[in-house]
Amino acid sequence: MTATMSLTPAPFPANTPNAPEAITVITLPDEQRINFWPRYFGNVRQWVFLEPQVFSWLDLWSADYQGGVWEFHTLSNGGAFLTPPDCDHYHLFNESNGNEAILSTEATGIAICLMAWSHHACRTHCESMSEHYYRLRDYALPHPESRSIMHLID
């Protein structure tokens, strides 16, 4: 049995005294892409395998993905992630847990990178890769598509 999620979480009240500061995202211009991997992941064991792993995860999870140029993003908390070529939506199916979701381009990139970062951290036993996972997760949790992202990678 598969389940499709497209729920949006209740927003965290902005006027709450303990509300966390919003994490912001910056899309890197083309001229900064060459330094992305060594700058943000240079201290991660076997970081050169990360980019093809990201592409492979989306290829495995979505028939909508046909290759193309990905965007590189950095987060104000030190995290980073990629997004696939812009598309109205991506229909993703995780065979490992039977869950599926229809996500925006950004949410697709977040879900795919969370999966890739998690698997790479487990495979390499690299603490700095785990930190990248948690930084991206912190950005994903208040995201409008958070429930669908987490359902997919659960």
Protein backbone atom coordinates (compact mmCIF):
# COMPACT_ATOMS: atom_id res chain seq x y z
CA MET A 1 0.00 0.00 0.00
CA THR A 2 1.34 3.42 -0.87
CA ALA A 3 0.37 6.76 0.51
CA THR A 4 0.65 10.12 -1.18
CA MET A 5 1.20 13.11 1.09
CA SER A 6 0.67 16.74 0.24
CA LEU A 7 -0.03 18.29 3.63
CA THR A 8 1.24 21.58 4.96
CA PRO A 9 2.20 21.96 8.61
CA ALA A 10 0.79 24.67 10.83
CA PRO A 11 3.24 27.59 10.76
CA PHE A 12 5.30 28.32 13.84
CA PRO A 13 3.95 31.57 15.31
CA ALA A 14 6.41 34.35 14.48
CA ASN A 15 5.66 36.33 17.62
CA THR A 16 6.46 33.49 20.02
CA PRO A 17 9.37 34.48 22.31
CA ASN A 18 11.17 31.17 21.68
CA ALA A 19 10.61 31.14 17.91
CA PRO A 20 13.82 30.10 16.14
CA GLU A 21 15.39 32.57 13.74
CA ALA A 22 14.38 31.77 10.18
CA ILE A 23 17.03 30.05 8.09
CA THR A 24 17.54 31.81 4.79
CA VAL A 25 18.65 30.32 1.48
CA ILE A 26 20.91 31.77 -1.21
CA THR A 27 21.14 30.37 -4.74
CA LEU A 28 24.74 30.45 -5.89
CA PRO A 29 25.56 32.20 -9.16
CA ASP A 30 27.26 30.10 -11.84
CA GLU A 31 30.73 31.51 -11.14
CA GLN A 32 30.61 30.26 -7.52
CA ARG A 33 29.52 26.72 -8.37
CA ILE A 34 33.06 25.47 -8.96
CA ASN A 35 33.96 26.08 -5.31
CA PHE A 36 30.70 24.73 -3.83
CA TRP A 37 31.77 21.15 -3.09
CA PRO A 38 35.24 21.78 -1.66
CA ARG A 39 34.07 24.85 0.27
CA TYR A 40 31.02 23.32 1.95
CA PHE A 41 31.91 19.62 1.94
CA GLY A 42 35.72 19.61 1.76
CA ASN A 43 36.05 18.19 5.28
CA VAL A 44 33.67 15.32 4.47
CA ARG A 45 35.24 11.96 3.66
CA GLN A 46 34.73 11.00 0.01
CA TRP A 47 32.85 14.23 -0.76
CA VAL A 48 33.52 13.81 -4.49
CA PHE A 49 30.87 11.06 -4.56
CA LEU A 50 28.09 13.29 -3.21
CA GLU A 51 26.99 14.98 -6.43
CA PRO A 52 26.49 11.79 -8.46
CA GLN A 53 24.73 10.23 -5.46
CA VAL A 54 22.23 13.11 -5.42
CA PHE A 55 21.53 12.64 -9.14
CA SER A 56 21.16 8.87 -8.65
CA TRP A 57 18.66 9.22 -5.80
CA LEU A 58 16.35 11.39 -7.90
CA ASP A 59 16.76 9.11 -10.90
CA LEU A 60 15.75 6.19 -8.68
CA TRP A 61 12.77 7.96 -7.09
CA SER A 62 11.23 9.88 -9.99
CA ALA A 63 10.36 9.15 -13.61
CA ASP A 64 9.88 12.93 -13.98
CA TYR A 65 13.64 13.49 -13.75
CA GLN A 66 15.32 13.60 -17.14
CA GLY A 67 18.68 15.10 -16.17
CA GLY A 68 19.68 18.72 -16.55
CA VAL A 69 21.45 21.50 -14.71
CA TRP A 70 20.94 21.60 -10.95
CA GLU A 71 21.02 24.74 -8.79
CA PHE A 72 23.34 24.99 -5.77
CA HIS A 73 22.06 26.60 -2.56
CA THR A 74 23.61 27.61 0.74
CA LEU A 75 21.81 28.16 4.03
CA SER A 76 22.39 30.83 6.66
CA ASN A 77 23.01 28.06 9.24
CA GLY A 78 25.98 26.69 7.25
CA GLY A 79 24.00 24.03 5.39
CA ALA A 80 23.82 23.49 1.65
CA PHE A 81 21.74 21.57 -0.87
CA LEU A 82 20.95 21.19 -4.56
CA THR A 83 17.71 21.47 -6.51
CA PRO A 84 16.99 19.67 -9.78
CA PRO A 85 15.98 21.44 -12.98
CA ASP A 86 12.85 23.54 -12.47
CA CYS A 87 9.65 21.59 -13.00
CA ASP A 88 6.02 22.20 -12.01
CA HIS A 89 6.36 19.29 -9.61
CA TYR A 90 8.17 16.01 -9.16
CA HIS A 91 6.31 12.80 -8.36
CA LEU A 92 8.61 10.78 -6.13
CA PHE A 93 8.28 7.21 -4.89
CA ASN A 94 10.56 5.66 -2.28
CA GLU A 95 10.56 1.89 -2.85
CA SER A 96 12.27 1.32 0.50
CA ASN A 97 9.31 2.54 2.54
CA GLY A 98 6.49 2.54 -0.03
CA ASN A 99 5.85 6.25 0.44
CA GLU A 100 5.34 8.74 -2.33
CA ALA A 101 4.89 12.47 -2.60
CA ILE A 102 4.36 15.15 -5.19
CA LEU A 103 6.78 17.96 -4.41
CA SER A 104 7.91 21.32 -5.72
CA THR A 105 11.39 21.62 -7.19
CA GLU A 106 12.82 23.01 -3.95
CA ALA A 107 11.17 20.37 -1.77
CA THR A 108 12.40 17.67 -4.15
CA GLY A 109 15.97 18.93 -3.78
CA ILE A 110 15.63 19.03 -0.01
CA ALA A 111 14.25 15.48 0.19
CA ILE A 112 16.82 14.04 -2.19
CA CYS A 113 19.73 15.79 -0.46
CA LEU A 114 18.51 14.73 2.99
CA MET A 115 18.51 11.14 1.77
CA ALA A 116 21.93 11.47 0.12
CA TRP A 117 23.46 13.29 3.13
CA SER A 118 22.06 10.65 5.53
CA HIS A 119 23.31 7.69 3.53
CA HIS A 120 26.73 9.26 2.99
CA ALA A 121 27.05 10.02 6.72
CA CYS A 122 26.18 6.43 7.62
CA ARG A 123 28.46 4.95 4.98
CA THR A 124 31.50 7.08 5.85
CA HIS A 125 30.86 7.49 9.61
CA CYS A 126 31.65 11.17 9.07
CA GLU A 127 30.41 13.53 11.79
CA SER A 128 30.67 16.62 9.57
CA MET A 129 28.37 14.94 7.02
CA SER A 130 25.87 14.30 9.81
CA GLU A 131 26.06 18.01 10.66
CA HIS A 132 25.17 18.84 7.04
CA TYR A 133 22.16 16.55 7.30
CA TYR A 134 20.91 18.28 10.46
CA ARG A 135 21.46 21.78 9.04
CA LEU A 136 19.37 20.90 6.01
CA ARG A 137 16.77 19.19 8.18
CA ASP A 138 16.50 22.36 10.27
CA TYR A 139 15.67 24.24 7.07
CA ALA A 140 13.22 21.53 5.97
CA LEU A 141 11.18 21.31 9.18
CA PRO A 142 9.37 24.68 8.86
CA HIS A 143 9.11 24.31 5.06
CA PRO A 144 5.51 24.36 3.72
CA GLU A 145 6.06 20.84 2.30
CA SER A 146 7.79 19.50 5.40
CA ARG A 147 5.31 16.72 6.12
CA SER A 148 5.58 15.37 2.59
CA ILE A 149 9.39 15.59 2.65
CA MET A 150 9.63 13.74 5.97
CA HIS A 151 7.00 11.16 4.93
CA LEU A 152 9.03 10.39 1.83
CA ILE A 153 12.39 9.96 3.59
CA ASP A 154 11.01 8.23 6.70
